[in-house]
Structure formats: structure tokens, C-alpha cells
N, C-alpha and C. Protein backbone atom coordinates (compact mmCIF):
# COMPACT_ATOMS: atom_id res chain seq x y z
N MET A 1 26.46 41.21 -31.28
CA MET A 1 26.57 39.87 -31.86
C MET A 1 25.78 39.80 -33.17
N ILE A 2 26.16 38.87 -33.99
CA ILE A 2 25.49 38.67 -35.27
C ILE A 2 24.40 37.62 -35.09
N TYR A 3 23.15 37.99 -35.33
CA TYR A 3 22.03 37.07 -35.14
C TYR A 3 21.89 36.10 -36.30
N SER A 4 22.06 36.60 -37.51
CA SER A 4 21.92 35.75 -38.69
C SER A 4 22.66 36.37 -39.86
N VAL A 5 22.94 35.55 -40.87
CA VAL A 5 23.51 36.05 -42.12
C VAL A 5 22.65 35.54 -43.26
N ARG A 6 22.32 36.45 -44.17
CA ARG A 6 21.56 36.08 -45.36
C ARG A 6 22.33 36.58 -46.57
N GLY A 7 22.54 35.70 -47.51
CA GLY A 7 23.27 36.09 -48.70
C GLY A 7 23.49 34.91 -49.62
N ASN A 8 24.37 35.12 -50.60
CA ASN A 8 24.66 34.09 -51.59
C ASN A 8 25.72 33.14 -51.05
N LEU A 9 25.45 31.85 -51.14
CA LEU A 9 26.40 30.83 -50.70
C LEU A 9 27.43 30.64 -51.81
N ILE A 10 28.65 31.13 -51.58
CA ILE A 10 29.66 31.10 -52.65
C ILE A 10 30.66 29.96 -52.51
N LEU A 11 30.74 29.35 -51.33
CA LEU A 11 31.67 28.25 -51.12
C LEU A 11 31.18 27.36 -50.00
N MET A 12 31.35 26.06 -50.19
CA MET A 12 31.02 25.12 -49.13
C MET A 12 32.12 24.06 -49.09
N ASP A 13 32.67 23.85 -47.91
CA ASP A 13 33.73 22.88 -47.72
C ASP A 13 33.42 22.10 -46.45
N ALA A 14 34.24 21.12 -46.14
CA ALA A 14 34.01 20.30 -44.94
C ALA A 14 34.02 21.17 -43.69
N GLY A 15 32.89 21.26 -43.04
CA GLY A 15 32.80 21.99 -41.78
C GLY A 15 32.51 23.47 -41.86
N PHE A 16 32.49 24.05 -43.05
CA PHE A 16 32.18 25.48 -43.11
C PHE A 16 31.57 25.86 -44.46
N ALA A 17 30.94 27.03 -44.45
CA ALA A 17 30.36 27.61 -45.66
C ALA A 17 30.73 29.08 -45.67
N VAL A 18 30.79 29.66 -46.86
CA VAL A 18 31.07 31.09 -46.99
C VAL A 18 29.83 31.74 -47.61
N VAL A 19 29.24 32.67 -46.86
CA VAL A 19 28.05 33.38 -47.31
C VAL A 19 28.45 34.83 -47.59
N GLU A 20 28.20 35.28 -48.82
CA GLU A 20 28.54 36.64 -49.21
C GLU A 20 27.35 37.56 -48.93
N CYS A 21 27.58 38.55 -48.08
CA CYS A 21 26.55 39.52 -47.71
C CYS A 21 27.11 40.92 -47.96
N GLY A 22 26.53 41.65 -48.89
CA GLY A 22 26.97 43.02 -49.16
C GLY A 22 28.43 43.10 -49.56
N GLY A 23 28.90 42.13 -50.31
CA GLY A 23 30.28 42.16 -50.78
C GLY A 23 31.29 41.57 -49.82
N VAL A 24 30.84 41.15 -48.63
CA VAL A 24 31.74 40.56 -47.64
C VAL A 24 31.40 39.08 -47.51
N GLY A 25 32.42 38.23 -47.60
CA GLY A 25 32.21 36.79 -47.43
C GLY A 25 32.43 36.39 -45.99
N TYR A 26 31.38 35.87 -45.35
CA TYR A 26 31.46 35.43 -43.95
C TYR A 26 31.71 33.92 -43.92
N ARG A 27 32.81 33.51 -43.27
CA ARG A 27 33.12 32.09 -43.11
C ARG A 27 32.36 31.62 -41.87
N VAL A 28 31.41 30.72 -42.10
CA VAL A 28 30.53 30.25 -41.04
C VAL A 28 30.73 28.75 -40.87
N GLN A 29 31.13 28.35 -39.67
CA GLN A 29 31.28 26.92 -39.39
C GLN A 29 29.89 26.31 -39.23
N THR A 30 29.67 25.19 -39.90
CA THR A 30 28.34 24.59 -39.92
C THR A 30 28.41 23.10 -39.62
N SER A 31 27.27 22.55 -39.24
CA SER A 31 27.16 21.11 -39.04
C SER A 31 26.87 20.44 -40.38
N VAL A 32 27.09 19.16 -40.42
CA VAL A 32 26.79 18.39 -41.63
C VAL A 32 25.30 18.47 -41.94
N ASN A 33 24.46 18.43 -40.89
CA ASN A 33 23.01 18.50 -41.09
C ASN A 33 22.59 19.83 -41.72
N THR A 34 23.24 20.93 -41.32
CA THR A 34 22.95 22.22 -41.94
C THR A 34 23.43 22.23 -43.39
N GLN A 35 24.61 21.71 -43.63
CA GLN A 35 25.15 21.70 -44.99
C GLN A 35 24.26 20.92 -45.96
N LYS A 36 23.58 19.91 -45.45
CA LYS A 36 22.68 19.12 -46.31
C LYS A 36 21.53 19.96 -46.84
N THR A 37 21.18 21.03 -46.12
CA THR A 37 20.05 21.87 -46.53
C THR A 37 20.47 23.02 -47.45
N LEU A 38 21.78 23.24 -47.60
CA LEU A 38 22.29 24.37 -48.37
C LEU A 38 22.57 23.98 -49.81
N LYS A 39 22.40 24.96 -50.70
CA LYS A 39 22.68 24.75 -52.12
C LYS A 39 23.62 25.86 -52.58
N LEU A 40 24.72 25.45 -53.19
CA LEU A 40 25.74 26.39 -53.66
C LEU A 40 25.16 27.37 -54.68
N ASN A 41 25.62 28.61 -54.63
CA ASN A 41 25.18 29.70 -55.54
C ASN A 41 23.69 30.01 -55.42
N SER A 42 23.15 29.87 -54.22
CA SER A 42 21.76 30.26 -53.98
C SER A 42 21.71 31.10 -52.71
N GLU A 43 20.61 31.80 -52.50
CA GLU A 43 20.49 32.62 -51.30
C GLU A 43 20.19 31.71 -50.11
N VAL A 44 20.90 31.93 -49.02
CA VAL A 44 20.71 31.14 -47.81
C VAL A 44 20.54 32.06 -46.60
N LEU A 45 19.92 31.53 -45.56
CA LEU A 45 19.80 32.22 -44.28
C LEU A 45 20.32 31.28 -43.21
N LEU A 46 21.31 31.74 -42.47
CA LEU A 46 21.85 30.94 -41.38
C LEU A 46 21.71 31.72 -40.07
N TYR A 47 21.17 31.05 -39.03
CA TYR A 47 21.11 31.63 -37.69
C TYR A 47 22.47 31.39 -37.06
N THR A 48 23.05 32.42 -36.48
CA THR A 48 24.45 32.33 -36.09
C THR A 48 24.69 32.49 -34.60
N TYR A 49 25.85 31.99 -34.21
CA TYR A 49 26.39 32.17 -32.86
C TYR A 49 27.84 32.58 -33.02
N MET A 50 28.24 33.69 -32.41
CA MET A 50 29.62 34.13 -32.49
C MET A 50 30.35 33.77 -31.21
N ASN A 51 31.42 33.01 -31.37
CA ASN A 51 32.24 32.60 -30.24
C ASN A 51 33.50 33.45 -30.24
N VAL A 52 33.67 34.24 -29.19
CA VAL A 52 34.82 35.13 -29.09
C VAL A 52 35.76 34.60 -28.01
N ARG A 53 36.98 34.32 -28.45
CA ARG A 53 38.02 33.87 -27.53
C ARG A 53 39.16 34.88 -27.56
N GLU A 54 40.13 34.66 -26.71
CA GLU A 54 41.27 35.57 -26.65
C GLU A 54 42.05 35.57 -27.97
N ASP A 55 42.12 34.39 -28.62
CA ASP A 55 42.93 34.27 -29.82
C ASP A 55 42.13 34.12 -31.12
N ALA A 56 40.79 34.13 -31.04
CA ALA A 56 40.01 33.93 -32.27
C ALA A 56 38.57 34.38 -32.09
N MET A 57 37.95 34.72 -33.23
CA MET A 57 36.51 34.98 -33.28
C MET A 57 35.95 34.03 -34.33
N GLU A 58 35.00 33.19 -33.91
CA GLU A 58 34.44 32.20 -34.82
C GLU A 58 32.94 32.39 -34.93
N LEU A 59 32.44 32.20 -36.15
CA LEU A 59 31.02 32.32 -36.41
C LEU A 59 30.48 30.93 -36.75
N PHE A 60 29.45 30.49 -36.03
CA PHE A 60 28.81 29.20 -36.27
C PHE A 60 27.42 29.46 -36.82
N GLY A 61 27.03 28.73 -37.85
CA GLY A 61 25.74 28.97 -38.49
C GLY A 61 24.90 27.71 -38.58
N PHE A 62 23.58 27.90 -38.47
CA PHE A 62 22.65 26.78 -38.46
C PHE A 62 21.42 27.10 -39.30
N ALA A 63 20.90 26.08 -39.94
CA ALA A 63 19.76 26.25 -40.85
C ALA A 63 18.46 26.53 -40.10
N SER A 64 18.37 26.11 -38.83
CA SER A 64 17.13 26.32 -38.08
C SER A 64 17.42 26.88 -36.69
N LYS A 65 16.42 27.53 -36.13
CA LYS A 65 16.56 28.08 -34.78
C LYS A 65 16.68 26.97 -33.75
N SER A 66 16.01 25.83 -34.00
CA SER A 66 16.09 24.72 -33.04
C SER A 66 17.50 24.15 -32.98
N GLU A 67 18.18 24.10 -34.13
CA GLU A 67 19.56 23.60 -34.14
C GLU A 67 20.47 24.59 -33.39
N LEU A 68 20.24 25.88 -33.57
CA LEU A 68 21.01 26.89 -32.85
C LEU A 68 20.76 26.78 -31.34
N SER A 69 19.50 26.60 -30.94
CA SER A 69 19.16 26.47 -29.52
C SER A 69 19.85 25.26 -28.91
N THR A 70 19.86 24.16 -29.64
CA THR A 70 20.51 22.94 -29.16
C THR A 70 22.01 23.18 -29.02
N PHE A 71 22.61 23.87 -29.98
CA PHE A 71 24.03 24.21 -29.93
C PHE A 71 24.34 25.01 -28.66
N LYS A 72 23.52 26.01 -28.38
CA LYS A 72 23.74 26.85 -27.19
C LYS A 72 23.61 26.04 -25.91
N LEU A 73 22.64 25.11 -25.87
CA LEU A 73 22.50 24.25 -24.69
C LEU A 73 23.74 23.37 -24.52
N LEU A 74 24.21 22.83 -25.62
CA LEU A 74 25.37 21.93 -25.55
C LEU A 74 26.63 22.65 -25.07
N ILE A 75 26.89 23.86 -25.59
CA ILE A 75 28.12 24.56 -25.19
C ILE A 75 28.04 25.09 -23.76
N GLY A 76 26.86 25.07 -23.18
CA GLY A 76 26.70 25.46 -21.78
C GLY A 76 27.10 24.36 -20.81
N ILE A 77 27.41 23.19 -21.34
CA ILE A 77 27.79 22.05 -20.50
C ILE A 77 29.31 22.02 -20.37
N THR A 78 29.80 21.81 -19.16
CA THR A 78 31.23 21.73 -18.91
C THR A 78 31.84 20.62 -19.75
N GLY A 79 32.89 20.95 -20.48
CA GLY A 79 33.57 19.95 -21.30
C GLY A 79 33.11 19.91 -22.74
N VAL A 80 32.03 20.65 -23.04
CA VAL A 80 31.53 20.69 -24.42
C VAL A 80 31.79 22.08 -24.98
N GLY A 81 32.77 22.15 -25.86
CA GLY A 81 33.06 23.40 -26.54
C GLY A 81 32.31 23.47 -27.85
N PRO A 82 32.47 24.58 -28.58
CA PRO A 82 31.77 24.73 -29.86
C PRO A 82 32.08 23.63 -30.87
N LYS A 83 33.34 23.17 -30.91
CA LYS A 83 33.72 22.14 -31.89
C LYS A 83 33.03 20.81 -31.57
N VAL A 84 32.97 20.45 -30.30
CA VAL A 84 32.32 19.20 -29.90
C VAL A 84 30.81 19.31 -30.13
N ALA A 85 30.23 20.46 -29.80
CA ALA A 85 28.79 20.66 -30.03
C ALA A 85 28.47 20.54 -31.51
N LEU A 86 29.32 21.09 -32.35
CA LEU A 86 29.14 20.99 -33.80
C LEU A 86 29.27 19.54 -34.27
N ALA A 87 30.20 18.81 -33.67
CA ALA A 87 30.36 17.39 -34.01
C ALA A 87 29.10 16.60 -33.65
N ILE A 88 28.52 16.91 -32.49
CA ILE A 88 27.29 16.22 -32.07
C ILE A 88 26.16 16.55 -33.04
N LEU A 89 26.03 17.83 -33.40
CA LEU A 89 24.97 18.23 -34.32
C LEU A 89 25.21 17.75 -35.75
N SER A 90 26.44 17.39 -36.05
CA SER A 90 26.73 16.81 -37.36
C SER A 90 26.35 15.33 -37.40
N GLU A 91 26.46 14.69 -36.25
CA GLU A 91 26.17 13.26 -36.16
C GLU A 91 24.68 12.99 -35.93
N LEU A 92 24.03 13.85 -35.13
CA LEU A 92 22.63 13.63 -34.75
C LEU A 92 21.80 14.88 -35.03
N SER A 93 20.55 14.68 -35.39
CA SER A 93 19.64 15.81 -35.58
C SER A 93 19.19 16.31 -34.21
N THR A 94 18.58 17.49 -34.17
CA THR A 94 18.09 18.03 -32.89
C THR A 94 17.06 17.09 -32.27
N GLU A 95 16.23 16.47 -33.12
CA GLU A 95 15.23 15.54 -32.62
C GLU A 95 15.89 14.32 -31.99
N GLN A 96 16.95 13.82 -32.62
CA GLN A 96 17.65 12.64 -32.09
C GLN A 96 18.35 12.97 -30.77
N ILE A 97 18.91 14.17 -30.65
CA ILE A 97 19.54 14.58 -29.40
C ILE A 97 18.50 14.65 -28.30
N ALA A 98 17.36 15.25 -28.60
CA ALA A 98 16.27 15.34 -27.61
C ALA A 98 15.82 13.95 -27.18
N MET A 99 15.74 13.03 -28.14
CA MET A 99 15.34 11.66 -27.81
C MET A 99 16.39 10.98 -26.93
N CYS A 100 17.67 11.20 -27.23
CA CYS A 100 18.75 10.62 -26.42
C CYS A 100 18.65 11.09 -24.98
N VAL A 101 18.40 12.38 -24.81
CA VAL A 101 18.32 12.95 -23.47
C VAL A 101 17.08 12.43 -22.74
N SER A 102 15.92 12.46 -23.42
CA SER A 102 14.70 12.03 -22.74
C SER A 102 14.68 10.54 -22.42
N SER A 103 15.39 9.73 -23.23
CA SER A 103 15.44 8.28 -22.97
C SER A 103 16.73 7.87 -22.25
N GLU A 104 17.55 8.86 -21.87
CA GLU A 104 18.82 8.65 -21.17
C GLU A 104 19.75 7.72 -21.94
N ASP A 105 19.80 7.90 -23.25
CA ASP A 105 20.64 7.10 -24.13
C ASP A 105 21.95 7.83 -24.39
N SER A 106 22.91 7.67 -23.50
CA SER A 106 24.20 8.36 -23.65
C SER A 106 25.08 7.67 -24.69
N LYS A 107 24.85 6.39 -24.92
CA LYS A 107 25.70 5.64 -25.86
C LYS A 107 25.62 6.21 -27.27
N THR A 108 24.44 6.63 -27.71
CA THR A 108 24.27 7.18 -29.05
C THR A 108 25.08 8.46 -29.22
N LEU A 109 25.19 9.25 -28.17
CA LEU A 109 25.95 10.51 -28.23
C LEU A 109 27.44 10.26 -28.46
N THR A 110 27.94 9.09 -28.07
CA THR A 110 29.37 8.81 -28.23
C THR A 110 29.76 8.59 -29.69
N ARG A 111 28.78 8.52 -30.59
CA ARG A 111 29.09 8.41 -32.02
C ARG A 111 29.75 9.68 -32.54
N ALA A 112 29.51 10.79 -31.88
CA ALA A 112 30.09 12.07 -32.30
C ALA A 112 31.56 12.13 -31.93
N SER A 113 32.36 12.70 -32.80
CA SER A 113 33.80 12.84 -32.58
C SER A 113 34.06 13.72 -31.35
N GLY A 114 34.90 13.23 -30.45
CA GLY A 114 35.25 13.99 -29.26
C GLY A 114 34.35 13.76 -28.07
N VAL A 115 33.37 12.88 -28.21
CA VAL A 115 32.44 12.61 -27.11
C VAL A 115 32.68 11.19 -26.60
N GLY A 116 33.25 11.10 -25.40
CA GLY A 116 33.47 9.81 -24.77
C GLY A 116 32.29 9.46 -23.87
N PRO A 117 32.32 8.26 -23.28
CA PRO A 117 31.20 7.83 -22.43
C PRO A 117 30.91 8.76 -21.25
N LYS A 118 31.97 9.27 -20.60
CA LYS A 118 31.76 10.15 -19.44
C LYS A 118 31.09 11.45 -19.87
N LEU A 119 31.58 12.05 -20.95
CA LEU A 119 31.01 13.31 -21.43
C LEU A 119 29.56 13.10 -21.90
N ALA A 120 29.30 11.98 -22.56
CA ALA A 120 27.94 11.69 -23.03
C ALA A 120 26.98 11.58 -21.86
N LYS A 121 27.43 10.93 -20.78
CA LYS A 121 26.57 10.81 -19.58
C LYS A 121 26.33 12.18 -18.95
N ARG A 122 27.38 13.03 -18.95
CA ARG A 122 27.22 14.38 -18.40
C ARG A 122 26.23 15.18 -19.22
N ILE A 123 26.30 15.06 -20.55
CA ILE A 123 25.37 15.78 -21.43
C ILE A 123 23.93 15.38 -21.12
N VAL A 124 23.70 14.07 -21.05
CA VAL A 124 22.35 13.58 -20.75
C VAL A 124 21.88 14.08 -19.39
N LEU A 125 22.76 13.98 -18.39
CA LEU A 125 22.41 14.39 -17.03
C LEU A 125 22.08 15.88 -16.96
N GLU A 126 22.94 16.71 -17.54
CA GLU A 126 22.74 18.16 -17.43
C GLU A 126 21.58 18.65 -18.26
N LEU A 127 21.37 18.08 -19.44
CA LEU A 127 20.24 18.52 -20.25
C LEU A 127 18.93 18.03 -19.65
N LYS A 128 18.95 16.85 -19.06
CA LYS A 128 17.74 16.33 -18.43
C LYS A 128 17.34 17.23 -17.26
N ASP A 129 18.33 17.69 -16.50
CA ASP A 129 18.05 18.58 -15.38
C ASP A 129 17.46 19.91 -15.84
N LYS A 130 17.82 20.35 -17.03
CA LYS A 130 17.33 21.64 -17.52
C LYS A 130 15.84 21.61 -17.84
N PHE A 131 15.29 20.43 -18.12
CA PHE A 131 13.88 20.42 -18.43
C PHE A 131 13.06 19.54 -17.49
N LYS A 132 13.64 19.10 -16.39
CA LYS A 132 12.88 18.33 -15.41
C LYS A 132 11.75 19.16 -14.80
N SER A 133 11.99 20.47 -14.70
CA SER A 133 11.01 21.34 -14.07
C SER A 133 9.83 21.67 -14.98
N VAL A 134 9.90 21.27 -16.25
CA VAL A 134 8.81 21.56 -17.17
C VAL A 134 7.61 20.68 -16.81
N ASP A 135 6.50 21.29 -16.53
CA ASP A 135 5.30 20.54 -16.16
C ASP A 135 4.53 20.20 -17.42
N THR A 136 4.46 18.90 -17.74
CA THR A 136 3.78 18.48 -18.96
C THR A 136 2.41 17.88 -18.69
N ALA A 137 2.12 17.55 -17.47
CA ALA A 137 0.86 16.86 -17.18
C ALA A 137 -0.27 17.84 -16.96
N GLY A 138 -1.41 17.56 -17.55
CA GLY A 138 -2.60 18.34 -17.31
C GLY A 138 -2.56 19.75 -17.84
N PHE A 139 -1.70 20.05 -18.75
CA PHE A 139 -1.58 21.40 -19.29
C PHE A 139 -2.74 21.69 -20.23
N GLU A 140 -3.37 22.84 -20.09
CA GLU A 140 -4.50 23.18 -20.94
C GLU A 140 -4.08 24.04 -22.11
N PRO A 141 -4.12 23.49 -23.34
CA PRO A 141 -3.80 24.29 -24.51
C PRO A 141 -4.94 25.21 -24.89
N ASN A 142 -4.74 25.98 -25.96
CA ASN A 142 -5.71 26.99 -26.39
C ASN A 142 -7.09 26.43 -26.70
N ASN A 143 -7.16 25.20 -27.20
CA ASN A 143 -8.47 24.67 -27.59
C ASN A 143 -9.26 24.10 -26.41
N GLY A 144 -8.71 24.16 -25.19
CA GLY A 144 -9.44 23.74 -24.02
C GLY A 144 -9.29 22.27 -23.68
N SER A 145 -8.73 21.46 -24.56
CA SER A 145 -8.57 20.04 -24.25
C SER A 145 -7.39 19.87 -23.31
N VAL A 146 -7.43 18.82 -22.54
CA VAL A 146 -6.37 18.58 -21.57
C VAL A 146 -5.50 17.44 -22.08
N ILE A 147 -4.20 17.64 -22.02
CA ILE A 147 -3.26 16.61 -22.44
C ILE A 147 -3.08 15.63 -21.29
N ALA A 148 -3.22 14.36 -21.58
CA ALA A 148 -3.03 13.35 -20.55
C ALA A 148 -1.55 13.25 -20.20
N ASP A 149 -1.28 12.77 -18.98
CA ASP A 149 0.12 12.67 -18.56
C ASP A 149 0.71 11.30 -18.89
N THR A 150 0.07 10.56 -19.78
CA THR A 150 0.60 9.27 -20.21
C THR A 150 0.86 9.31 -21.70
N GLY A 151 1.56 8.31 -22.20
CA GLY A 151 1.82 8.23 -23.63
C GLY A 151 3.03 9.04 -24.04
N ASN A 152 3.08 9.37 -25.32
CA ASN A 152 4.26 10.03 -25.89
C ASN A 152 4.23 11.54 -25.82
N VAL A 153 3.07 12.14 -25.57
CA VAL A 153 2.98 13.60 -25.57
C VAL A 153 3.88 14.23 -24.50
N PRO A 154 3.82 13.77 -23.24
CA PRO A 154 4.71 14.38 -22.23
C PRO A 154 6.19 14.21 -22.58
N LYS A 155 6.53 13.05 -23.18
CA LYS A 155 7.93 12.83 -23.58
C LYS A 155 8.32 13.81 -24.68
N ALA A 156 7.40 14.06 -25.61
CA ALA A 156 7.67 15.02 -26.69
C ALA A 156 7.82 16.43 -26.13
N VAL A 157 6.97 16.81 -25.18
CA VAL A 157 7.05 18.14 -24.56
C VAL A 157 8.39 18.29 -23.85
N ALA A 158 8.80 17.25 -23.12
CA ALA A 158 10.07 17.29 -22.40
C ALA A 158 11.25 17.37 -23.36
N ALA A 159 11.18 16.61 -24.45
CA ALA A 159 12.27 16.64 -25.44
C ALA A 159 12.34 18.00 -26.12
N LEU A 160 11.19 18.60 -26.42
CA LEU A 160 11.17 19.92 -27.05
C LEU A 160 11.66 21.00 -26.09
N ALA A 161 11.46 20.76 -24.78
CA ALA A 161 11.97 21.70 -23.78
C ALA A 161 13.50 21.75 -23.82
N VAL A 162 14.12 20.62 -24.13
CA VAL A 162 15.58 20.57 -24.27
C VAL A 162 16.02 21.50 -25.39
N LEU A 163 15.19 21.61 -26.42
CA LEU A 163 15.52 22.46 -27.56
C LEU A 163 15.19 23.92 -27.33
N GLY A 164 14.63 24.23 -26.14
CA GLY A 164 14.36 25.62 -25.80
C GLY A 164 12.92 26.07 -25.98
N TYR A 165 12.01 25.14 -26.27
CA TYR A 165 10.61 25.50 -26.45
C TYR A 165 9.85 25.26 -25.16
N SER A 166 8.96 26.21 -24.82
CA SER A 166 8.19 26.06 -23.59
C SER A 166 6.98 25.16 -23.82
N ALA A 167 6.48 24.59 -22.74
CA ALA A 167 5.30 23.73 -22.82
C ALA A 167 4.11 24.51 -23.37
N ALA A 168 4.03 25.79 -23.02
CA ALA A 168 2.93 26.63 -23.50
C ALA A 168 2.96 26.78 -25.02
N ASP A 169 4.16 26.79 -25.61
CA ASP A 169 4.28 26.94 -27.06
C ASP A 169 3.96 25.66 -27.81
N VAL A 170 4.40 24.52 -27.28
CA VAL A 170 4.29 23.27 -28.04
C VAL A 170 3.03 22.46 -27.75
N THR A 171 2.44 22.63 -26.58
CA THR A 171 1.28 21.81 -26.23
C THR A 171 0.09 22.00 -27.16
N PRO A 172 -0.24 23.23 -27.60
CA PRO A 172 -1.36 23.37 -28.54
C PRO A 172 -1.13 22.60 -29.84
N ILE A 173 0.10 22.58 -30.32
CA ILE A 173 0.41 21.85 -31.55
C ILE A 173 0.32 20.36 -31.31
N LEU A 174 0.90 19.90 -30.21
CA LEU A 174 0.90 18.47 -29.89
C LEU A 174 -0.51 17.94 -29.66
N SER A 175 -1.39 18.78 -29.13
CA SER A 175 -2.76 18.33 -28.86
C SER A 175 -3.54 18.04 -30.14
N ARG A 176 -3.10 18.61 -31.27
CA ARG A 176 -3.77 18.37 -32.55
C ARG A 176 -3.21 17.16 -33.30
N LEU A 177 -2.09 16.62 -32.82
CA LEU A 177 -1.46 15.49 -33.49
C LEU A 177 -2.07 14.16 -33.06
N ASP A 178 -1.88 13.15 -33.88
CA ASP A 178 -2.34 11.80 -33.57
C ASP A 178 -1.57 11.30 -32.36
N PRO A 179 -2.25 10.91 -31.27
CA PRO A 179 -1.55 10.47 -30.07
C PRO A 179 -0.80 9.15 -30.26
N ASN A 180 -1.06 8.45 -31.36
CA ASN A 180 -0.38 7.18 -31.61
C ASN A 180 0.97 7.36 -32.31
N LEU A 181 1.33 8.61 -32.66
CA LEU A 181 2.62 8.85 -33.29
C LEU A 181 3.75 8.57 -32.30
N SER A 182 4.92 8.23 -32.83
CA SER A 182 6.09 8.06 -31.96
C SER A 182 6.54 9.43 -31.46
N VAL A 183 7.35 9.44 -30.42
CA VAL A 183 7.85 10.69 -29.86
C VAL A 183 8.64 11.46 -30.92
N GLU A 184 9.48 10.74 -31.67
CA GLU A 184 10.29 11.39 -32.70
C GLU A 184 9.40 12.03 -33.78
N GLN A 185 8.32 11.35 -34.17
CA GLN A 185 7.40 11.90 -35.18
C GLN A 185 6.69 13.15 -34.64
N MET A 186 6.32 13.11 -33.35
CA MET A 186 5.67 14.26 -32.74
C MET A 186 6.61 15.46 -32.70
N ILE A 187 7.86 15.22 -32.34
CA ILE A 187 8.85 16.30 -32.29
C ILE A 187 9.05 16.89 -33.68
N ALA A 188 9.22 16.03 -34.67
CA ALA A 188 9.44 16.50 -36.05
C ALA A 188 8.25 17.32 -36.55
N ALA A 189 7.03 16.83 -36.29
CA ALA A 189 5.84 17.54 -36.75
C ALA A 189 5.69 18.89 -36.05
N THR A 190 6.01 18.94 -34.75
CA THR A 190 5.90 20.18 -34.00
C THR A 190 6.93 21.21 -34.48
N LEU A 191 8.16 20.76 -34.69
CA LEU A 191 9.21 21.66 -35.19
C LEU A 191 8.86 22.20 -36.57
N LYS A 192 8.28 21.34 -37.41
CA LYS A 192 7.90 21.75 -38.75
C LYS A 192 6.82 22.85 -38.69
N GLN A 193 5.84 22.67 -37.80
CA GLN A 193 4.77 23.66 -37.69
C GLN A 193 5.27 24.96 -37.06
N MET A 194 6.24 24.88 -36.16
CA MET A 194 6.76 26.08 -35.52
C MET A 194 7.69 26.86 -36.43
N ALA A 195 8.27 26.18 -37.42
CA ALA A 195 9.15 26.86 -38.37
C ALA A 195 8.30 27.68 -39.30
């Protein structure tokens, strides 16, 4: 499989970009959020997922590892194919998806093309189940301080777990943040530091 492509961005159109690597132009399907970070005729790095079907091979590319992780989680849900997952990631950022799941807000997910109320509820239910087992209370980070099991920190840890990050990875970063930040601000700050 192709892990990533790095090269010159020679074309960008609705839903895809063409990255030239070693004289070969790779057509990579991208989300709107990824396209916002790309600049034509400049060097880009996209983390990729290759979807192989009987009748086609498609390459999907993302500007960040967290967006790729979210894409993989979404396509693992029954009824969510790569096109629908891309539509969700075009409509919502990874942080917003994590917030929707942690707050059980399925209605926001229906803004994405191809996502009806039933599918949105299934996405919330299945992603919530994937990180219910993450223990966020009383976890001891590297600096020895203990994170309380109240407030926004446990919600941020749970939301980041949806994106594929373990509590052990994110808790040291979250423990240094202002506890009065909103969950979305905590997630954004943690993702920024992990990048």
C-alpha cells in the first residue's frame, strides 16, 4: 500500500488533487478541508489510503494523520464507504466529528452528503463504542500530576481516542493545558502539539 505521496501539486479540482512524484501524476481524492491547506504548484505531502475494489483502485489523500485516522474509522462502519467518509470529512473537521460523537450529536453529521439520520446515529453509536473502553479518569501523565475525572479533559481524551490517539499519548499534553478551555480547544491544541 502507499503510505503517503510527496511531490508538486500540479492540479486541483473538486474532490481531487494531482500530485506529481518522480514524473508520475497521482490522482488523489481529497476532502475539502485538505484542499484548503494545499497550494497549487508547491510541494505537498498527503497521507494516503488506497481503496482496492474489483473494478477500481482509488487513492485518498489527507493533509494530516488525524484526518486519515478518522477516515479509516468511518469506513469501518457498515454503510459508510470511502465516498461518504470523504463527504463527512469535507463537511466537518476531525475535531468536530470527535465532538459530535462524544456529545452524541448525530444531527450535525447529517449535513454531509449521503448521510441520513439512521446512518448518522449508527456512526455515533459505533464510534462511541470504540472508545468507551478508554480509561480517562485518574490517569498519571509523565509529570506526575493526576487528571481529574471531571470537566472537559476526560471528554477531550475520549474524543481524541476516536481519532486513534491513546490516553497515554494525549494525557501529558492535556495536563499542561488550561482546564478552563472548551473541549474543542483542547482537542485542537493537542492535535497541533502532536503534529
